[in-house]
Amino acid sequence: MNGSAANSRSVSAILTLPWRLAIFRSEGFPLIPISILTTVLLVAIFANALAPHNPEVGVLGDRFRPPAWEANGTVDHLLGTDHLGRDVLSRLIFGARISVIVGLLVIIVAGFVGTALGIISGYLGRWVDQIIMRLTDAWLALPVITFAIFLAAIVGPGVSNIIIILAAVYWTRYARIIRGEVLSVRERDFVRLAVVAGCSKWTIMRKHILPNVINSAIVLATLQLGQAIIAEATLSFLGVGVPPPQPAWGLMLADGKKGLMAGYWWLTVLPGSCIMLMVLSANLLGDWLRVKFDPQLRQL
């Protein structure tokens, strides 16, 4: 009996461990969006091993070859080829890498800068708050895509330049939202006790303010992942983003738009579908995280 009771207690203890991931048992868990995002991430990581052909080199004799299931299609080019005979599947795989790199680095850089400025502005207040918020307001007044195109035309095309440009555009959202959170958090008792205990302002912002606003930053980053991907695709489509012959989904759309009316549908439908699925998945995940992290919405 004692052995059975001990076993029962051990099983119960295991089931109540924090790492049992109760989050996966929640209603409305976005399994499909997370599966799509995970698949895209894995494809981006292992693109060199997964791509059957060089995405930047084509064979002119294989120009405009349709997907394998259509007439004149071949298994060697499952999703067909483009106007230069380049394998569409390989370009989609490497395009996922560019989208993932740009999207993640943009939200990391913009999130770090915007969150830091939002915390400083909200906690220090006074003239520091006025300077940061007026700069933020002026930045928010600029049209995002137009401003990004202007910056891209100045610094030139390239993946690294696109990351810098989009991070410079999107940091303002973090600064505005985090500053509002800090205005509420700084009035709480644990912050006042830290002030009484003699903690410096930087210590309070790092150890007491940041942990209480990081959830909002994470949710915003998830929601802005889709926006960053669309912005990168838009800039590449307009010719001021990722330069050819690098395989970017927006650049593939630009290259294939002329062939759409000629019946070469795969040149635009496939990269457009990839952009749609990734952006939709990121937005659905962000909406779910927003509901999970918002106490008021959890009570509904």
Foldseek 3Di string as FASTA:
>chain_A
DVVVVVVVVVVVVVCPDPPVPCVVVDPPDLPVLVVLVVVLVVLLVCLVVPQLDDQAAADQVQALQAAQVDPNHDPSQRHGAHRRHGRPVSLLSNQSNLLVVLLVLLLVLLLVVLLVLLLCLQQVPDPSVVVSVVVLVVLVVDDQLVQLLVQLVVVFADSVSLSVSSSVNRSSVSNVVLNVVNNVQCPDDVNVVCVVVPDDPVCCSVPPSCVRCVLVSVLVSLLCSLVSSVSQLVCLLVPSYHHPPRRHLSVLLNRCVVCVVVPSVSSHPVSVVSSVSNSVSSNSNSVVSVCVPDVVSVVD
